[in-house]
């Protein structure tokens, strides 16, 4: 049984930067794909509306945000990617210092 998480983040309000950000995500670096898969993320999608990004993660039962963060912190290529992406991103208004993607609370689920 896998789990699903939804996260949000904003982009800077600059159409050229947004276009460049999307180009990077059309073909992410292979080291980034590897780090995502090795962490237990089974599927990942990012959607955009204006400057708001919405990420959906489908993860294995043994996935841990803490373990992913620890692995990312020790991976120079992931750190290079994250620093590059910060050129385009900006934290949500309620983010704590250093926070990027924030978990969203599910408020509805269709029950049949």
PDB file of N, CA and C in Angstrom:
ATOM      1  N   UNK A   1       0.854  -1.190   0.000  1.00  0.00           N
ATOM      2  CA  UNK A   1       0.000   0.000   0.000  1.00  0.00           C
ATOM      3  C   UNK A   1       0.888   1.237   0.000  1.00  0.00           C
ATOM      4  N   UNK A   2       0.819   2.022  -1.035  1.00  0.00           N
ATOM      5  CA  UNK A   2       1.627   3.235  -1.086  1.00  0.00           C
ATOM      6  C   UNK A   2       0.840   4.409  -0.510  1.00  0.00           C
ATOM      7  N   UNK A   3       1.559   5.488  -0.264  1.00  0.00           N
ATOM      8  CA  UNK A   3       0.964   6.698   0.292  1.00  0.00           C
ATOM      9  C   UNK A   3       1.089   7.817  -0.736  1.00  0.00           C
ATOM     10  N   UNK A   4       0.231   8.811  -0.605  1.00  0.00           N
ATOM     11  CA  UNK A   4       0.272   9.980  -1.484  1.00  0.00           C
ATOM     12  C   UNK A   4       0.423  11.229  -0.630  1.00  0.00           C
ATOM     13  N   UNK A   5       1.290  12.131  -1.106  1.00  0.00           N
ATOM     14  CA  UNK A   5       1.478  13.420  -0.450  1.00  0.00           C
ATOM     15  C   UNK A   5       1.332  14.505  -1.503  1.00  0.00           C
ATOM     16  N   UNK A   6       0.795  15.643  -1.098  1.00  0.00           N
ATOM     17  CA  UNK A   6       0.678  16.804  -1.977  1.00  0.00           C
ATOM     18  C   UNK A   6       1.406  17.962  -1.309  1.00  0.00           C
ATOM     19  N   UNK A   7       2.164  18.675  -2.115  1.00  0.00           N
ATOM     20  CA  UNK A   7       2.975  19.779  -1.604  1.00  0.00           C
ATOM     21  C   UNK A   7       2.804  20.997  -2.508  1.00  0.00           C
ATOM     22  N   UNK A   8       3.079  22.176  -1.957  1.00  0.00           N
ATOM     23  CA  UNK A   8       2.949  23.407  -2.718  1.00  0.00           C
ATOM     24  C   UNK A   8       4.194  24.274  -2.543  1.00  0.00           C
ATOM     25  N   UNK A   9       4.446  25.075  -3.547  1.00  0.00           N
ATOM     26  CA  UNK A   9       5.555  26.025  -3.563  1.00  0.00           C
ATOM     27  C   UNK A   9       5.218  27.070  -4.621  1.00  0.00           C
ATOM     28  N   UNK A  10       5.778  28.249  -4.500  1.00  0.00           N
ATOM     29  CA  UNK A  10       5.552  29.290  -5.496  1.00  0.00           C
ATOM     30  C   UNK A  10       6.798  29.535  -6.329  1.00  0.00           C
ATOM     31  N   UNK A  11       6.562  29.986  -7.549  1.00  0.00           N
ATOM     32  CA  UNK A  11       7.635  30.471  -8.403  1.00  0.00           C
ATOM     33  C   UNK A  11       7.668  31.992  -8.329  1.00  0.00           C
ATOM     34  N   UNK A  12       8.805  32.555  -8.648  1.00  0.00           N
ATOM     35  CA  UNK A  12       8.894  34.005  -8.755  1.00  0.00           C
ATOM     36  C   UNK A  12       8.033  34.450  -9.927  1.00  0.00           C
ATOM     37  N   UNK A  13       7.412  35.592  -9.790  1.00  0.00           N
ATOM     38  CA  UNK A  13       6.491  36.092 -10.812  1.00  0.00           C
ATOM     39  C   UNK A  13       7.275  36.766 -11.941  1.00  0.00           C
ATOM     40  N   UNK A  14       7.852  35.944 -12.784  1.00  0.00           N
ATOM     41  CA  UNK A  14       8.670  36.414 -13.904  1.00  0.00           C
ATOM     42  C   UNK A  14       8.505  35.393 -15.021  1.00  0.00           C
ATOM     43  N   UNK A  15       7.860  35.778 -16.116  1.00  0.00           N
ATOM     44  CA  UNK A  15       7.522  34.825 -17.172  1.00  0.00           C
ATOM     45  C   UNK A  15       8.758  34.163 -17.781  1.00  0.00           C
ATOM     46  N   UNK A  16       9.862  34.885 -17.898  1.00  0.00           N
ATOM     47  CA  UNK A  16      11.086  34.286 -18.446  1.00  0.00           C
ATOM     48  C   UNK A  16      11.636  33.230 -17.495  1.00  0.00           C
ATOM     49  N   UNK A  17      11.635  33.520 -16.196  1.00  0.00           N
ATOM     50  CA  UNK A  17      12.107  32.543 -15.218  1.00  0.00           C
ATOM     51  C   UNK A  17      11.201  31.315 -15.180  1.00  0.00           C
ATOM     52  N   UNK A  18       9.897  31.529 -15.261  1.00  0.00           N
ATOM     53  CA  UNK A  18       8.949  30.408 -15.261  1.00  0.00           C
ATOM     54  C   UNK A  18       9.186  29.515 -16.476  1.00  0.00           C
ATOM     55  N   UNK A  19       9.382  30.118 -17.637  1.00  0.00           N
ATOM     56  CA  UNK A  19       9.642  29.338 -18.851  1.00  0.00           C
ATOM     57  C   UNK A  19      10.941  28.536 -18.705  1.00  0.00           C
ATOM     58  N   UNK A  20      11.964  29.149 -18.131  1.00  0.00           N
ATOM     59  CA  UNK A  20      13.237  28.450 -17.938  1.00  0.00           C
ATOM     60  C   UNK A  20      13.074  27.295 -16.942  1.00  0.00           C
ATOM     61  N   UNK A  21      12.317  27.529 -15.875  1.00  0.00           N
ATOM     62  CA  UNK A  21      12.040  26.486 -14.878  1.00  0.00           C
ATOM     63  C   UNK A  21      11.353  25.294 -15.532  1.00  0.00           C
ATOM     64  N   UNK A  22      10.381  25.563 -16.373  1.00  0.00           N
ATOM     65  CA  UNK A  22       9.671  24.482 -17.061  1.00  0.00           C
ATOM     66  C   UNK A  22      10.601  23.732 -18.011  1.00  0.00           C
ATOM     67  N   UNK A  23      11.503  24.448 -18.676  1.00  0.00           N
ATOM     68  CA  UNK A  23      12.455  23.771 -19.564  1.00  0.00           C
ATOM     69  C   UNK A  23      13.337  22.796 -18.776  1.00  0.00           C
ATOM     70  N   UNK A  24      13.794  23.215 -17.604  1.00  0.00           N
ATOM     71  CA  UNK A  24      14.600  22.313 -16.774  1.00  0.00           C
ATOM     72  C   UNK A  24      13.816  21.053 -16.427  1.00  0.00           C
ATOM     73  N   UNK A  25      12.513  21.192 -16.229  1.00  0.00           N
ATOM     74  CA  UNK A  25      11.708  20.048 -15.809  1.00  0.00           C
ATOM     75  C   UNK A  25      11.231  19.174 -16.977  1.00  0.00           C
ATOM     76  N   UNK A  26      11.478  19.604 -18.196  1.00  0.00           N
ATOM     77  CA  UNK A  26      11.167  18.745 -19.331  1.00  0.00           C
ATOM     78  C   UNK A  26      12.183  17.617 -19.448  1.00  0.00           C
ATOM     79  N   UNK A  27      13.365  17.819 -18.894  1.00  0.00           N
ATOM     80  CA  UNK A  27      14.402  16.776 -18.903  1.00  0.00           C
ATOM     81  C   UNK A  27      15.312  17.025 -17.701  1.00  0.00           C
ATOM     82  N   UNK A  28      14.880  16.512 -16.537  1.00  0.00           N
ATOM     83  CA  UNK A  28      15.692  16.724 -15.345  1.00  0.00           C
ATOM     84  C   UNK A  28      16.962  15.890 -15.421  1.00  0.00           C
ATOM     85  N   UNK A  29      17.925  16.287 -14.638  1.00  0.00           N
ATOM     86  CA  UNK A  29      19.214  15.598 -14.646  1.00  0.00           C
ATOM     87  C   UNK A  29      19.033  14.151 -14.195  1.00  0.00           C
ATOM     88  N   UNK A  30      19.755  13.223 -14.789  1.00  0.00           N
ATOM     89  CA  UNK A  30      19.603  11.803 -14.420  1.00  0.00           C
ATOM     90  C   UNK A  30      19.923  11.539 -12.946  1.00  0.00           C
ATOM     91  N   UNK A  31      20.840  12.301 -12.376  1.00  0.00           N
ATOM     92  CA  UNK A  31      21.175  12.127 -10.955  1.00  0.00           C
ATOM     93  C   UNK A  31      19.986  12.492 -10.065  1.00  0.00           C
ATOM     94  N   UNK A  32      19.165  13.429 -10.528  1.00  0.00           N
ATOM     95  CA  UNK A  32      17.991  13.842  -9.759  1.00  0.00           C
ATOM     96  C   UNK A  32      16.927  12.745  -9.844  1.00  0.00           C
ATOM     97  N   UNK A  33      16.720  12.220 -11.041  1.00  0.00           N
ATOM     98  CA  UNK A  33      15.781  11.099 -11.194  1.00  0.00           C
ATOM     99  C   UNK A  33      16.207   9.937 -10.298  1.00  0.00           C
ATOM    100  N   UNK A  34      17.484   9.629 -10.300  1.00  0.00           N
ATOM    101  CA  UNK A  34      17.992   8.520  -9.489  1.00  0.00           C
ATOM    102  C   UNK A  34      17.731   8.774  -8.007  1.00  0.00           C
ATOM    103  N   UNK A  35      17.992   9.983  -7.531  1.00  0.00           N
ATOM    104  CA  UNK A  35      17.792  10.281  -6.108  1.00  0.00           C
ATOM    105  C   UNK A  35      16.314  10.195  -5.727  1.00  0.00           C
ATOM    106  N   UNK A  36      15.439  10.577  -6.640  1.00  0.00           N
ATOM    107  CA  UNK A  36      13.994  10.504  -6.392  1.00  0.00           C
ATOM    108  C   UNK A  36      13.574   9.046  -6.254  1.00  0.00           C
ATOM    109  N   UNK A  37      13.955   8.233  -7.220  1.00  0.00           N
ATOM    110  CA  UNK A  37      13.559   6.821  -7.240  1.00  0.00           C
ATOM    111  C   UNK A  37      14.165   6.067  -6.053  1.00  0.00           C
ATOM    112  N   UNK A  38      15.446   6.310  -5.773  1.00  0.00           N
ATOM    113  CA  UNK A  38      16.111   5.596  -4.685  1.00  0.00           C
ATOM    114  C   UNK A  38      15.528   5.928  -3.316  1.00  0.00           C
ATOM    115  N   UNK A  39      14.857   7.077  -3.195  1.00  0.00           N
ATOM    116  CA  UNK A  39      14.282   7.477  -1.905  1.00  0.00           C
ATOM    117  C   UNK A  39      12.963   6.770  -1.607  1.00  0.00           C
ATOM    118  N   UNK A  40      12.405   6.093  -2.610  1.00  0.00           N
ATOM    119  CA  UNK A  40      11.121   5.429  -2.408  1.00  0.00           C
ATOM    120  C   UNK A  40       9.950   6.166  -3.028  1.00  0.00           C
ATOM    121  N   UNK A  41      10.236   7.204  -3.804  1.00  0.00           N
ATOM    122  CA  UNK A  41       9.165   7.897  -4.521  1.00  0.00           C
ATOM    123  C   UNK A  41       8.863   7.079  -5.769  1.00  0.00           C
ATOM    124  N   UNK A  42       7.632   6.603  -5.872  1.00  0.00           N
ATOM    125  CA  UNK A  42       7.219   5.754  -6.983  1.00  0.00           C
ATOM    126  C   UNK A  42       6.704   6.555  -8.163  1.00  0.00           C
ATOM    127  N   UNK A  43       6.125   7.708  -7.885  1.00  0.00           N
ATOM    128  CA  UNK A  43       5.625   8.575  -8.945  1.00  0.00           C
ATOM    129  C   UNK A  43       5.625  10.005  -8.417  1.00  0.00           C
ATOM    130  N   UNK A  44       5.908  10.947  -9.309  1.00  0.00           N
ATOM    131  CA  UNK A  44       5.948  12.364  -8.944  1.00  0.00           C
ATOM    132  C   UNK A  44       5.424  13.164 -10.118  1.00  0.00           C
ATOM    133  N   UNK A  45       4.530  14.084  -9.830  1.00  0.00           N
ATOM    134  CA  UNK A  45       4.026  15.014 -10.835  1.00  0.00           C
ATOM    135  C   UNK A  45       4.055  16.410 -10.246  1.00  0.00           C
ATOM    136  N   UNK A  46       4.354  17.403 -11.088  1.00  0.00           N
ATOM    137  CA  UNK A  46       4.287  18.800 -10.681  1.00  0.00           C
ATOM    138  C   UNK A  46       3.365  19.518 -11.655  1.00  0.00           C
ATOM    139  N   UNK A  47       2.421  20.257 -11.098  1.00  0.00           N
ATOM    140  CA  UNK A  47       1.489  21.063 -11.880  1.00  0.00           C
ATOM    141  C   UNK A  47       1.727  22.528 -11.533  1.00  0.00           C
ATOM    142  N   UNK A  48       1.379  23.404 -12.468  1.00  0.00           N
ATOM    143  CA  UNK A  48       1.548  24.846 -12.245  1.00  0.00           C
ATOM    144  C   UNK A  48       0.271  25.586 -12.625  1.00  0.00           C
ATOM    145  N   UNK A  49      -0.115  26.533 -11.790  1.00  0.00           N
ATOM    146  CA  UNK A  49      -1.173  27.491 -12.116  1.00  0.00           C
ATOM    147  C   UNK A  49      -0.613  28.855 -11.759  1.00  0.00           C
ATOM    148  N   UNK A  50      -0.352  29.669 -12.775  1.00  0.00           N
ATOM    149  CA  UNK A  50       0.285  30.958 -12.512  1.00  0.00           C
ATOM    150  C   UNK A  50       1.656  30.707 -11.906  1.00  0.00           C
ATOM    151  N   UNK A  51       1.866  31.232 -10.702  1.00  0.00           N
ATOM    152  CA  UNK A  51       3.144  31.024 -10.021  1.00  0.00           C
ATOM    153  C   UNK A  51       3.081  29.904  -8.979  1.00  0.00           C
ATOM    154  N   UNK A  52       1.902  29.320  -8.775  1.00  0.00           N
ATOM    155  CA  UNK A  52       1.757  28.262  -7.763  1.00  0.00           C
ATOM    156  C   UNK A  52       2.088  26.899  -8.353  1.00  0.00           C
ATOM    157  N   UNK A  53       2.978  26.183  -7.675  1.00  0.00           N
ATOM    158  CA  UNK A  53       3.320  24.816  -8.040  1.00  0.00           C
ATOM    159  C   UNK A  53       2.621  23.864  -7.085  1.00  0.00           C
ATOM    160  N   UNK A  54       2.210  22.723  -7.618  1.00  0.00           N
ATOM    161  CA  UNK A  54       1.529  21.693  -6.846  1.00  0.00           C
ATOM    162  C   UNK A  54       2.183  20.363  -7.204  1.00  0.00           C
ATOM    163  N   UNK A  55       2.744  19.695  -6.220  1.00  0.00           N
ATOM    164  CA  UNK A  55       3.446  18.429  -6.456  1.00  0.00           C
ATOM    165  C   UNK A  55       2.666  17.284  -5.810  1.00  0.00           C
ATOM    166  N   UNK A  56       2.520  16.202  -6.560  1.00  0.00           N
ATOM    167  CA  UNK A  56       1.894  14.993  -6.037  1.00  0.00           C
ATOM    168  C   UNK A  56       2.961  13.906  -5.999  1.00  0.00           C
ATOM    169  N   UNK A  57       3.159  13.319  -4.823  1.00  0.00           N
ATOM    170  CA  UNK A  57       4.097  12.221  -4.655  1.00  0.00           C
ATOM    171  C   UNK A  57       3.329  10.957  -4.309  1.00  0.00           C
ATOM    172  N   UNK A  58       3.650   9.890  -4.986  1.00  0.00           N
ATOM    173  CA  UNK A  58       3.178   8.556  -4.618  1.00  0.00           C
ATOM    174  C   UNK A  58       4.424   7.838  -4.122  1.00  0.00           C
ATOM    175  N   UNK A  59       4.393   7.385  -2.867  1.00  0.00           N
ATOM    176  CA  UNK A  59       5.603   6.852  -2.254  1.00  0.00           C
ATOM    177  C   UNK A  59       5.382   5.449  -1.702  1.00  0.00           C
ATOM    178  N   UNK A  60       6.475   4.718  -1.540  1.00  0.00           N
ATOM    179  CA  UNK A  60       6.426   3.386  -0.932  1.00  0.00           C
ATOM    180  C   UNK A  60       6.168   3.534   0.565  1.00  0.00           C
ATOM    181  N   UNK A  61       5.786   2.435   1.181  1.00  0.00           N
ATOM    182  CA  UNK A  61       5.497   2.454   2.624  1.00  0.00           C
ATOM    183  C   UNK A  61       6.707   2.837   3.462  1.00  0.00           C
ATOM    184  N   UNK A  62       7.897   2.540   2.969  1.00  0.00           N
ATOM    185  CA  UNK A  62       9.088   2.846   3.766  1.00  0.00           C
ATOM    186  C   UNK A  62       9.686   4.224   3.447  1.00  0.00           C
ATOM    187  N   UNK A  63       8.998   5.027   2.637  1.00  0.00           N
ATOM    188  CA  UNK A  63       9.483   6.373   2.318  1.00  0.00           C
ATOM    189  C   UNK A  63       9.477   7.238   3.574  1.00  0.00           C
ATOM    190  N   UNK A  64      10.492   8.084   3.695  1.00  0.00           N
ATOM    191  CA  UNK A  64      10.598   9.020   4.817  1.00  0.00           C
ATOM    192  C   UNK A  64      11.110  10.360   4.299  1.00  0.00           C
ATOM    193  N   UNK A  65      10.398  11.433   4.628  1.00  0.00           N
ATOM    194  CA  UNK A  65      10.877  12.763   4.253  1.00  0.00           C
ATOM    195  C   UNK A  65      12.214  13.061   4.921  1.00  0.00           C
ATOM    196  N   UNK A  66      12.383  12.616   6.165  1.00  0.00           N
ATOM    197  CA  UNK A  66      13.648  12.852   6.870  1.00  0.00           C
ATOM    198  C   UNK A  66      14.804  12.123   6.189  1.00  0.00           C
ATOM    199  N   UNK A  67      14.577  10.866   5.817  1.00  0.00           N
ATOM    200  CA  UNK A  67      15.631  10.102   5.141  1.00  0.00           C
ATOM    201  C   UNK A  67      15.955  10.727   3.788  1.00  0.00           C
ATOM    202  N   UNK A  68      14.936  11.183   3.064  1.00  0.00           N
ATOM    203  CA  UNK A  68      15.158  11.834   1.764  1.00  0.00           C
ATOM    204  C   UNK A  68      15.980  13.102   1.952  1.00  0.00           C
ATOM    205  N   UNK A  69      15.624  13.912   2.949  1.00  0.00           N
ATOM    206  CA  UNK A  69      16.356  15.156   3.213  1.00  0.00           C
ATOM    207  C   UNK A  69      17.811  14.870   3.574  1.00  0.00           C
ATOM    208  N   UNK A  70      18.041  13.837   4.370  1.00  0.00           N
ATOM    209  CA  UNK A  70      19.399  13.482   4.765  1.00  0.00           C
ATOM    210  C   UNK A  70      20.211  13.023   3.555  1.00  0.00           C
ATOM    211  N   UNK A  71      19.616  12.179   2.715  1.00  0.00           N
ATOM    212  CA  UNK A  71      20.302  11.716   1.508  1.00  0.00           C
ATOM    213  C   UNK A  71      20.587  12.883   0.564  1.00  0.00           C
ATOM    214  N   UNK A  72      19.612  13.775   0.415  1.00  0.00           N
ATOM    215  CA  UNK A  72      19.796  14.944  -0.461  1.00  0.00           C
ATOM    216  C   UNK A  72      20.919  15.848   0.033  1.00  0.00           C
ATOM    217  N   UNK A  73      20.999  16.030   1.351  1.00  0.00           N
ATOM    218  CA  UNK A  73      22.013  16.909   1.933  1.00  0.00           C
ATOM    219  C   UNK A  73      23.424  16.384   1.677  1.00  0.00           C
ATOM    220  N   UNK A  74      23.564  15.070   1.529  1.00  0.00           N
ATOM    221  CA  UNK A  74      24.892  14.491   1.305  1.00  0.00           C
ATOM    222  C   UNK A  74      25.175  14.213  -0.174  1.00  0.00           C
ATOM    223  N   UNK A  75      24.265  14.635  -1.057  1.00  0.00           N
ATOM    224  CA  UNK A  75      24.438  14.399  -2.486  1.00  0.00           C
ATOM    225  C   UNK A  75      24.758  15.729  -3.179  1.00  0.00           C
ATOM    226  N   UNK A  76      26.009  15.926  -3.606  1.00  0.00           N
ATOM    227  CA  UNK A  76      26.397  17.210  -4.209  1.00  0.00           C
ATOM    228  C   UNK A  76      25.565  17.583  -5.444  1.00  0.00           C
ATOM    229  N   UNK A  77      25.190  16.599  -6.252  1.00  0.00           N
ATOM    230  CA  UNK A  77      24.434  16.907  -7.468  1.00  0.00           C
ATOM    231  C   UNK A  77      23.016  17.377  -7.114  1.00  0.00           C
ATOM    232  N   UNK A  78      22.407  16.749  -6.105  1.00  0.00           N
ATOM    233  CA  UNK A  78      21.086  17.195  -5.656  1.00  0.00           C
ATOM    234  C   UNK A  78      21.192  18.608  -5.081  1.00  0.00           C
ATOM    235  N   UNK A  79      22.241  18.879  -4.331  1.00  0.00           N
ATOM    236  CA  UNK A  79      22.422  20.226  -3.784  1.00  0.00           C
ATOM    237  C   UNK A  79      22.614  21.254  -4.900  1.00  0.00           C
ATOM    238  N   UNK A  80      23.344  20.884  -5.933  1.00  0.00           N
ATOM    239  CA  UNK A  80      23.518  21.776  -7.083  1.00  0.00           C
ATOM    240  C   UNK A  80      22.164  22.062  -7.737  1.00  0.00           C
ATOM    241  N   UNK A  81      21.352  21.013  -7.925  1.00  0.00           N
ATOM    242  CA  UNK A  81      20.016  21.164  -8.522  1.00  0.00           C
ATOM    243  C   UNK A  81      19.137  22.056  -7.650  1.00  0.00           C
ATOM    244  N   UNK A  82      19.110  21.775  -6.356  1.00  0.00           N
ATOM    245  CA  UNK A  82      18.262  22.544  -5.440  1.00  0.00           C
ATOM    246  C   UNK A  82      18.665  24.014  -5.418  1.00  0.00           C
ATOM    247  N   UNK A  83      19.952  24.290  -5.406  1.00  0.00           N
ATOM    248  CA  UNK A  83      20.419  25.682  -5.433  1.00  0.00           C
ATOM    249  C   UNK A  83      20.036  26.366  -6.740  1.00  0.00           C
ATOM    250  N   UNK A  84      20.131  25.651  -7.847  1.00  0.00           N
ATOM    251  CA  UNK A  84      19.719  26.189  -9.137  1.00  0.00           C
ATOM    252  C   UNK A  84      18.218  26.476  -9.154  1.00  0.00           C
ATOM    253  N   UNK A  85      17.416  25.536  -8.644  1.00  0.00           N
ATOM    254  CA  UNK A  85      15.955  25.710  -8.655  1.00  0.00           C
ATOM    255  C   UNK A  85      15.517  26.882  -7.783  1.00  0.00           C
ATOM    256  N   UNK A  86      16.284  27.178  -6.746  1.00  0.00           N
ATOM    257  CA  UNK A  86      15.921  28.283  -5.855  1.00  0.00           C
ATOM    258  C   UNK A  86      15.974  29.623  -6.596  1.00  0.00           C
ATOM    259  N   UNK A  87      16.678  29.676  -7.712  1.00  0.00           N
ATOM    260  CA  UNK A  87      16.697  30.878  -8.561  1.00  0.00           C
ATOM    261  C   UNK A  87      15.280  31.194  -9.053  1.00  0.00           C
ATOM    262  N   UNK A  88      14.456  30.174  -9.219  1.00  0.00           N
ATOM    263  CA  UNK A  88      13.116  30.325  -9.782  1.00  0.00           C
ATOM    264  C   UNK A  88      12.019  30.320  -8.714  1.00  0.00           C
ATOM    265  N   UNK A  89      12.321  29.720  -7.580  1.00  0.00           N
ATOM    266  CA  UNK A  89      11.301  29.471  -6.568  1.00  0.00           C
ATOM    267  C   UNK A  89      11.321  30.534  -5.476  1.00  0.00           C
ATOM    268  N   UNK A  90      10.176  30.636  -4.796  1.00  0.00           N
ATOM    269  CA  UNK A  90      10.107  31.467  -3.602  1.00  0.00           C
ATOM    270  C   UNK A  90       9.188  30.778  -2.606  1.00  0.00           C
ATOM    271  N   UNK A  91       9.469  30.939  -1.324  1.00  0.00           N
ATOM    272  CA  UNK A  91       8.669  30.216  -0.329  1.00  0.00           C
ATOM    273  C   UNK A  91       7.245  30.754  -0.247  1.00  0.00           C
ATOM    274  N   UNK A  92       6.354  29.889   0.192  1.00  0.00           N
ATOM    275  CA  UNK A  92       4.994  30.332   0.492  1.00  0.00           C
ATOM    276  C   UNK A  92       5.055  31.287   1.679  1.00  0.00           C
ATOM    277  N   UNK A  93       4.042  32.119   1.802  1.00  0.00           N
ATOM    278  CA  UNK A  93       4.030  33.150   2.843  1.00  0.00           C
ATOM    279  C   UNK A  93       4.178  32.568   4.250  1.00  0.00           C
ATOM    280  N   UNK A  94       3.650  31.376   4.480  1.00  0.00           N
ATOM    281  CA  UNK A  94       3.697  30.805   5.823  1.00  0.00           C
ATOM    282  C   UNK A  94       4.861  29.826   6.021  1.00  0.00           C
ATOM    283  N   UNK A  95       5.813  29.800   5.101  1.00  0.00           N
ATOM    284  CA  UNK A  95       6.968  28.905   5.225  1.00  0.00           C
ATOM    285  C   UNK A  95       7.927  29.418   6.291  1.00  0.00           C
ATOM    286  N   UNK A  96       8.531  28.472   6.988  1.00  0.00           N
ATOM    287  CA  UNK A  96       9.571  28.812   7.956  1.00  0.00           C
ATOM    288  C   UNK A  96      10.868  29.048   7.183  1.00  0.00           C
ATOM    289  N   UNK A  97      11.829  29.752   7.767  1.00  0.00           N
ATOM    290  CA  UNK A  97      13.107  29.972   7.075  1.00  0.00           C
ATOM    291  C   UNK A  97      13.719  28.654   6.607  1.00  0.00           C
ATOM    292  N   UNK A  98      14.103  28.613   5.335  1.00  0.00           N
ATOM    293  CA  UNK A  98      14.722  27.433   4.755  1.00  0.00           C
ATOM    294  C   UNK A  98      13.745  26.417   4.191  1.00  0.00           C
ATOM    295  N   UNK A  99      12.447  26.568   4.445  1.00  0.00           N
ATOM    296  CA  UNK A  99      11.466  25.631   3.909  1.00  0.00           C
ATOM    297  C   UNK A  99      11.161  25.974   2.462  1.00  0.00           C
ATOM    298  N   UNK A 100      10.998  24.935   1.664  1.00  0.00           N
ATOM    299  CA  UNK A 100      10.602  25.120   0.276  1.00  0.00           C
ATOM    300  C   UNK A 100       9.223  24.517   0.088  1.00  0.00           C
ATOM    301  N   UNK A 101       9.179  23.292  -0.402  1.00  0.00           N
ATOM    302  CA  UNK A 101       7.895  22.623  -0.621  1.00  0.00           C
ATOM    303  C   UNK A 101       7.209  22.376   0.713  1.00  0.00           C
ATOM    304  N   UNK A 102       5.936  22.787   0.826  1.00  0.00           N
ATOM    305  CA  UNK A 102       5.176  22.570   2.057  1.00  0.00           C
ATOM    306  C   UNK A 102       4.093  21.529   1.821  1.00  0.00           C
ATOM    307  N   UNK A 103       3.960  20.613   2.790  1.00  0.00           N
ATOM    308  CA  UNK A 103       2.901  19.620   2.717  1.00  0.00           C
ATOM    309  C   UNK A 103       1.536  20.285   2.805  1.00  0.00           C
ATOM    310  N   UNK A 104       0.617  19.801   2.014  1.00  0.00           N
ATOM    311  CA  UNK A 104      -0.750  20.312   2.036  1.00  0.00           C
ATOM    312  C   UNK A 104      -1.613  19.338   2.831  1.00  0.00           C
ATOM    313  N   UNK A 105      -2.643  19.863   3.484  1.00  0.00           N
ATOM    314  CA  UNK A 105      -3.595  19.036   4.220  1.00  0.00           C
ATOM    315  C   UNK A 105      -4.741  18.662   3.300  1.00  0.00           C
ATOM    316  N   UNK A 106      -5.067  17.375   3.277  1.00  0.00           N
ATOM    317  CA  UNK A 106      -6.228  16.945   2.501  1.00  0.00           C
ATOM    318  C   UNK A 106      -7.487  17.334   3.292  1.00  0.00           C
ATOM    319  N   UNK A 107      -8.390  18.028   2.617  1.00  0.00           N
ATOM    320  CA  UNK A 107      -9.626  18.446   3.278  1.00  0.00           C
ATOM    321  C   UNK A 107     -10.859  17.737   2.716  1.00  0.00           C
ATOM    322  N   UNK A 108     -10.677  16.974   1.632  1.00  0.00           N
ATOM    323  CA  UNK A 108     -11.797  16.252   1.039  1.00  0.00           C
ATOM    324  C   UNK A 108     -11.293  15.039   0.294  1.00  0.00           C
ATOM    325  N   UNK A 109     -12.062  13.966   0.357  1.00  0.00           N
ATOM    326  CA  UNK A 109     -11.805  12.770  -0.448  1.00  0.00           C
ATOM    327  C   UNK A 109     -13.167  12.196  -0.817  1.00  0.00           C
ATOM    328  N   UNK A 110     -13.376  11.945  -2.076  1.00  0.00           N
ATOM    329  CA  UNK A 110     -14.623  11.371  -2.542  1.00  0.00           C
ATOM    330  C   UNK A 110     -14.775   9.967  -1.979  1.00  0.00           C
ATOM    331  N   UNK A 111     -15.836   9.741  -1.280  1.00  0.00           N
ATOM    332  CA  UNK A 111     -16.155   8.411  -0.730  1.00  0.00           C
ATOM    333  C   UNK A 111     -17.349   7.895  -1.492  1.00  0.00           C
ATOM    334  N   UNK A 112     -17.228   6.736  -2.103  1.00  0.00           N
ATOM    335  CA  UNK A 112     -18.324   6.160  -2.880  1.00  0.00           C
ATOM    336  C   UNK A 112     -18.991   5.035  -2.117  1.00  0.00           C
TER     337      UNK A 112
END
